[in-house]
Protein backbone atom coordinates (compact mmCIF):
# COMPACT_ATOMS: atom_id res chain seq x y z
CA MET A 1 122.25 98.99 86.66
CA LYS A 2 118.46 99.12 86.31
CA THR A 3 116.90 101.48 83.78
CA ILE A 4 113.70 103.08 85.06
CA LEU A 5 111.31 105.31 83.16
CA VAL A 6 109.65 107.96 85.33
CA THR A 7 106.82 109.93 83.76
CA GLY A 8 106.18 113.35 85.25
CA GLY A 9 109.69 113.26 86.66
CA ALA A 10 110.10 117.03 86.81
CA GLY A 11 107.11 117.52 89.08
CA PHE A 12 106.89 117.57 92.86
CA ILE A 13 106.93 113.84 93.58
CA GLY A 14 108.70 112.86 90.37
CA SER A 15 111.74 115.08 90.84
CA HIS A 16 112.30 113.74 94.35
CA LEU A 17 111.90 110.18 93.10
CA CYS A 18 114.37 110.65 90.24
CA GLU A 19 117.01 112.00 92.61
CA TYR A 20 116.46 109.08 94.98
CA LEU A 21 116.71 106.50 92.20
CA LEU A 22 119.94 108.10 90.97
CA LYS A 23 121.37 107.70 94.47
CA GLN A 24 120.61 103.99 94.17
CA ASN A 25 122.82 103.92 91.04
CA MET A 26 119.93 103.46 88.64
CA THR A 27 119.61 104.91 85.15
CA VAL A 28 116.62 107.25 85.09
CA ILE A 29 114.69 108.40 82.03
CA ASN A 30 112.39 111.30 82.86
CA ILE A 31 109.51 112.10 80.52
CA ASP A 32 107.87 115.45 81.24
CA ASN A 33 106.09 117.94 79.00
CA PHE A 34 106.56 120.98 81.29
CA ASN A 35 102.98 122.12 80.65
CA GLU A 36 101.64 125.39 81.99
CA PHE A 37 99.31 124.01 84.67
CA TYR A 38 101.77 125.93 86.84
CA ASP A 39 104.94 127.90 86.02
CA PRO A 40 107.31 125.59 84.07
CA LYS A 41 110.23 127.43 85.68
CA ILE A 42 109.36 125.62 88.90
CA LYS A 43 109.87 122.25 87.23
CA GLU A 44 113.09 123.46 85.64
CA ASN A 45 114.30 124.35 89.11
CA ASN A 46 113.21 120.96 90.48
CA ILE A 47 115.53 119.06 88.14
CA LYS A 48 118.58 121.31 88.07
CA ASN A 49 120.65 119.00 90.29
CA ALA A 50 119.64 115.80 88.50
CA LEU A 51 120.73 117.24 85.14
CA ASN A 52 124.34 117.03 86.31
CA ASN A 53 124.13 113.24 86.72
CA PRO A 54 125.26 111.22 83.66
CA ASN A 55 122.70 108.51 84.51
CA TYR A 56 119.81 110.98 84.19
CA HIS A 57 118.14 111.48 80.82
CA LEU A 58 115.48 114.16 80.33
CA GLU A 59 113.05 113.63 77.45
CA ARG A 60 110.61 116.47 76.87
CA GLY A 61 107.33 115.25 75.46
CA ASP A 62 103.72 114.28 76.02
CA ILE A 63 102.53 110.80 77.03
CA ARG A 64 99.65 111.23 74.57
CA ASP A 65 102.16 111.44 71.71
CA TRP A 66 102.46 107.92 70.30
CA ASP A 67 105.42 108.64 68.02
CA PHE A 68 107.33 110.31 70.85
CA LEU A 69 106.80 107.33 73.14
CA ASN A 70 107.88 104.93 70.41
CA GLU A 71 111.15 106.84 70.08
CA ILE A 72 111.76 106.66 73.84
CA TYR A 73 111.05 102.94 74.15
CA THR A 74 113.22 102.25 71.11
CA LYS A 75 116.07 104.41 72.39
CA TYR A 76 116.30 102.99 75.93
CA ASN A 77 116.21 99.48 77.37
CA ILE A 78 113.52 100.29 79.92
CA GLU A 79 113.00 97.67 82.64
CA ILE A 80 110.51 99.35 85.01
CA THR A 81 107.98 102.12 84.40
CA VAL A 82 106.93 104.43 87.23
CA HIS A 83 104.01 106.40 85.85
CA LEU A 84 103.42 109.61 87.79
CA ALA A 85 102.46 112.01 84.97
CA ALA A 86 98.87 113.28 85.06
CA MET A 87 96.65 116.30 85.04
CA ALA A 88 96.24 116.76 88.77
CA GLY A 89 93.70 118.40 91.03
CA VAL A 90 90.05 117.79 91.88
CA ARG A 91 88.66 121.28 91.29
CA PRO A 92 90.41 121.91 87.93
CA SER A 93 89.14 118.53 86.70
CA ILE A 94 85.55 119.73 87.16
CA LYS A 95 86.26 122.69 84.88
CA ASP A 96 87.90 120.62 82.12
CA PRO A 97 86.96 116.94 82.46
CA LEU A 98 87.71 116.06 78.82
CA LEU A 99 91.31 117.20 79.17
CA TYR A 100 91.70 115.12 82.34
CA GLU A 101 90.36 112.04 80.63
CA ASP A 102 92.58 112.60 77.58
CA VAL A 103 95.81 113.02 79.55
CA ASN A 104 95.22 110.62 82.40
CA VAL A 105 93.37 107.76 80.74
CA LYS A 106 94.68 107.91 77.18
CA GLY A 107 98.21 108.68 78.41
CA THR A 108 98.15 105.69 80.74
CA MET A 109 96.83 103.39 78.02
CA ASN A 110 99.62 104.58 75.69
CA LEU A 111 102.22 103.63 78.30
CA LEU A 112 100.62 100.25 78.93
CA GLU A 113 100.60 99.62 75.19
CA MET A 114 104.29 100.51 75.05
CA SER A 115 104.89 98.10 77.92
CA LYS A 116 103.15 95.39 75.90
CA ILE A 117 104.94 96.14 72.62
CA TYR A 118 108.42 96.52 74.13
CA ASP A 119 108.01 93.75 76.72
CA VAL A 120 108.44 95.97 79.78
CA LYS A 121 106.91 93.73 82.44
CA LYS A 122 107.02 96.00 85.50
CA PHE A 123 104.60 98.93 85.83
CA ILE A 124 104.02 101.16 88.87
CA LEU A 125 101.10 103.55 88.66
CA ALA A 126 100.36 106.65 90.73
CA SER A 127 96.75 106.58 91.85
CA SER A 128 95.06 108.75 94.47
CA SER A 129 93.14 108.70 97.72
CA SER A 130 90.42 110.57 95.82
CA VAL A 131 89.20 107.23 94.41
CA TYR A 132 87.61 106.51 97.81
CA GLY A 133 85.21 109.45 97.48
CA ASN A 134 83.27 110.15 100.67
CA ASN A 135 83.87 106.64 101.98
CA LYS A 136 82.07 106.27 105.29
CA ASP A 137 84.32 103.48 106.60
CA VAL A 138 87.65 104.68 108.01
CA PRO A 139 90.48 104.20 107.74
CA PHE A 140 90.28 103.53 103.99
CA LYS A 141 91.32 100.02 102.98
CA GLU A 142 92.47 98.86 99.57
CA THR A 143 89.63 96.31 99.63
CA ASP A 144 86.95 99.01 99.98
CA ILE A 145 84.59 99.51 97.04
CA VAL A 146 85.71 102.56 95.07
CA ASP A 147 82.84 102.93 92.61
CA ASN A 148 81.58 106.24 94.00
CA ALA A 149 83.99 108.89 92.69
CA ILE A 150 82.84 112.49 93.15
CA SER A 151 85.18 114.26 90.71
CA PRO A 152 86.44 113.66 87.16
CA TYR A 153 89.99 113.47 88.54
CA ALA A 154 89.01 110.61 90.86
CA TYR A 155 87.24 108.85 88.00
CA THR A 156 90.37 109.00 85.82
CA LYS A 157 92.52 107.54 88.58
CA LYS A 158 90.11 104.66 89.19
CA SER A 159 89.94 104.10 85.42
CA CYS A 160 93.73 103.84 85.22
CA GLU A 161 93.77 101.20 87.96
CA VAL A 162 91.22 99.19 85.99
CA LEU A 163 93.20 99.60 82.76
CA ALA A 164 96.36 98.39 84.47
CA HIS A 165 94.51 95.31 85.70
CA VAL A 166 93.42 94.54 82.13
CA TYR A 167 97.04 94.61 80.95
CA LYS A 168 98.11 92.43 83.87
CA HIS A 169 95.45 89.89 82.92
CA LEU A 170 96.04 89.93 79.17
CA TYR A 171 99.79 90.46 78.91
CA ASN A 172 101.22 89.44 82.30
CA ILE A 173 102.54 92.92 83.06
CA ASP A 174 103.22 93.15 86.79
CA VAL A 175 101.44 96.16 88.29
CA ILE A 176 101.46 98.11 91.54
CA ALA A 177 99.00 101.00 91.93
CA LEU A 178 99.89 103.47 94.67
CA ARG A 179 97.11 105.52 96.21
CA PHE A 180 98.84 108.68 97.44
CA PHE A 181 97.29 110.59 100.34
CA THR A 182 97.78 114.41 100.20
CA VAL A 183 101.53 114.63 99.69
CA TYR A 184 103.35 117.71 100.99
CA GLY A 185 106.89 118.93 101.54
CA PRO A 186 109.61 120.80 99.63
CA ARG A 187 108.70 121.41 95.95
CA GLN A 188 104.98 120.92 96.57
CA ARG A 189 102.92 122.35 93.72
CA PRO A 190 101.96 126.00 94.31
CA ASP A 191 98.23 125.30 93.79
CA LEU A 192 98.06 122.86 96.72
CA ALA A 193 96.76 124.07 100.06
CA ILE A 194 99.88 123.97 102.22
CA HIS A 195 102.01 125.79 99.64
CA LYS A 196 99.22 128.21 98.74
CA PHE A 197 98.41 129.03 102.37
CA THR A 198 102.07 129.48 103.27
CA ASP A 199 102.46 131.90 100.37
CA LEU A 200 99.34 133.91 101.20
CA ILE A 201 100.01 134.09 104.94
CA SER A 202 103.61 135.15 104.29
CA SER A 203 102.46 137.99 102.03
CA GLY A 204 99.66 139.10 104.36
CA GLU A 205 96.84 138.09 102.01
CA SER A 206 93.71 136.24 103.09
CA ILE A 207 93.47 132.49 102.65
CA PRO A 208 90.40 130.75 101.16
CA PHE A 209 88.97 128.61 103.97
CA PHE A 210 86.36 126.20 102.64
CA GLY A 211 83.74 124.97 105.10
CA ASP A 212 83.97 125.13 108.89
CA GLY A 213 87.53 123.81 109.17
CA SER A 214 86.52 120.29 110.18
CA THR A 215 87.45 118.59 106.88
CA GLN A 216 90.36 116.20 107.41
CA ARG A 217 93.27 115.02 105.30
CA ASP A 218 95.87 112.32 105.78
CA TYR A 219 98.88 114.53 104.99
CA THR A 220 101.89 112.49 103.90
CA TYR A 221 105.41 113.90 103.85
CA ILE A 222 107.35 113.60 100.60
CA ASP A 223 110.21 111.56 102.08
CA ASP A 224 107.75 108.95 103.31
CA ILE A 225 106.08 108.79 99.90
CA ILE A 226 109.43 108.34 98.13
CA ASP A 227 110.30 105.55 100.56
CA GLY A 228 107.02 103.83 99.69
CA VAL A 229 107.54 104.22 95.95
CA TYR A 230 111.09 102.88 96.13
CA LYS A 231 110.02 99.91 98.23
CA SER A 232 107.37 99.23 95.59
CA VAL A 233 110.10 99.30 92.93
CA GLU A 234 112.08 96.75 94.92
CA PHE A 235 109.02 94.56 95.42
CA ILE A 236 107.95 94.51 91.79
CA GLU A 237 111.52 93.95 90.65
CA ASN A 238 111.88 90.86 92.87
CA ASN A 239 108.43 89.32 92.39
CA ASN A 240 106.37 88.00 89.50
CA ASP A 241 102.64 87.66 88.89
CA VAL A 242 101.96 90.91 90.77
CA PHE A 243 98.86 93.05 90.86
CA GLU A 244 98.71 95.03 94.08
CA ILE A 245 97.18 98.28 95.29
CA PHE A 246 98.84 100.05 98.22
CA ASN A 247 97.73 103.04 100.25
CA LEU A 248 100.64 105.40 100.88
CA GLY A 249 99.55 107.73 103.66
CA GLU A 250 100.68 108.77 107.11
CA SER A 251 97.64 107.03 108.68
CA GLN A 252 96.64 110.01 110.76
CA THR A 253 94.28 112.89 110.03
CA ILE A 254 94.76 116.64 110.34
CA SER A 255 91.82 119.02 110.10
CA LEU A 256 91.87 122.10 107.90
CA LYS A 257 91.81 124.22 111.06
CA GLN A 258 94.81 122.33 112.50
CA MET A 259 96.70 122.63 109.22
CA VAL A 260 96.32 126.41 109.16
CA GLU A 261 97.31 126.72 112.83
CA THR A 262 100.43 124.62 112.22
CA ILE A 263 101.51 126.83 109.31
CA GLU A 264 100.83 129.95 111.42
CA THR A 265 103.08 128.58 114.18
CA SER A 266 105.85 127.67 111.75
CA LEU A 267 105.74 131.09 110.08
CA ASN A 268 105.14 132.88 113.39
CA LYS A 269 102.45 134.85 111.60
CA SER A 270 98.64 134.86 111.83
CA ALA A 271 96.40 134.09 108.88
CA THR A 272 93.58 136.29 107.60
CA ILE A 273 90.77 133.87 106.84
CA ASN A 274 88.21 134.23 104.06
CA ARG A 275 85.46 131.76 104.91
CA LEU A 276 83.83 130.11 101.91
CA PRO A 277 81.35 127.25 101.34
CA MET A 278 82.54 123.72 100.64
CA GLN A 279 83.59 123.16 97.04
CA PRO A 280 82.01 120.57 94.70
CA GLY A 281 84.16 117.46 94.38
CA ASP A 282 85.97 117.92 97.70
CA VAL A 283 85.82 114.98 100.08
CA THR A 284 85.23 115.52 103.77
CA ARG A 285 87.98 113.21 104.99
CA THR A 286 90.86 111.02 103.84
CA PHE A 287 92.44 108.47 106.16
CA ALA A 288 94.69 105.62 105.00
CA ASP A 289 94.87 102.13 106.37
CA ILE A 290 98.52 101.36 105.60
CA SER A 291 98.69 97.90 107.17
CA LYS A 292 98.94 96.19 103.79
CA ALA A 293 101.84 98.39 102.61
CA LYS A 294 103.56 97.88 105.95
CA SER A 295 103.31 94.12 105.82
CA MET A 296 104.08 93.59 102.13
CA ILE A 297 106.72 96.22 101.31
CA GLY A 298 107.88 97.46 104.70
CA TYR A 299 106.40 100.93 104.28
CA ASN A 300 106.78 102.82 107.55
CA PRO A 301 106.08 106.60 107.43
CA SER A 302 107.65 108.50 110.28
CA THR A 303 107.33 112.26 109.70
CA VAL A 304 105.26 114.10 112.32
CA PHE A 305 103.08 116.77 110.70
CA ASN A 306 104.49 119.82 112.46
CA ILE A 307 108.05 118.73 111.66
CA GLY A 308 107.10 118.26 108.01
CA ILE A 309 105.53 121.72 107.91
CA ASP A 310 108.66 123.25 109.46
CA ARG A 311 110.76 121.59 106.74
CA PHE A 312 108.43 122.83 104.04
CA VAL A 313 108.43 126.40 105.40
CA GLU A 314 112.23 126.36 105.59
CA TRP A 315 112.38 125.27 101.94
CA TYR A 316 109.76 127.84 100.96
CA LYS A 317 111.75 130.70 102.48
CA GLU A 318 114.92 129.60 100.68
CA ASN A 319 113.52 128.65 97.29
CA THR A 320 110.47 130.72 96.42
CA ILE A 321 110.73 131.71 92.76
CA GLU A 322 109.79 135.35 92.18
């Protein structure tokens, strides 16, 4: 039975991943600090089912805390690290860039150092489509130059990819960096657009609508993301001398206008729109070339956007925490 460390395992993506890994009969150690970026009760709710599994171990702490990490790596025989924990969000990173660098870059280096010290040779890192910035060539390929970040968040994610490469080169730690493209679905963070818009439309409040509605995102359903992460786990487990970057997207774009209309249809309720100028740090379009992930790990996303929104809305109606 493999022992996998998942950082940020009480969050949106992390909680789904932990549950999936448990179904594969793996031992899962979840590190999460339950910070107040959003209501910690939401994370508590995310993990309530996993807590009943004897192969699930919750460790509350911060990846910046060296002594805490030492205790964890001493306590468990960790074989693979899946590092999801981070301060997330483009706009908040502009308000507090030093915090984002401290958590995302220092936290990642701490985990890589632990991997070196405790001889954990398999490391999977959550990166982001934001590293592409306003890339003019579409769809975005892993070979594209990503030196033109337009937010502190994007800079930290690119920095973590570079750090991971250093540890691969110096200490032969196998690494896969996964560039996630706008993940949505049940348990999505409340600050993200689909969840936020669903909430506001449901309550009859106006939604903030930045720009003219033509901005585009490659929305990727949570089940497809988890499939890609798990296939990355299988790949890194069965291969050596690995340093790979994979785009995990749906490889189709949805405009802001289309996204709002799809939520309206699913809720059967019209939105009141508050038109606002584009925000600093926001990219105009994300669009993933997923041919590399398809060919190397068998990644094959299959969730049509309107079906994914219907599933999210169904979850939202059943699980909204008052």
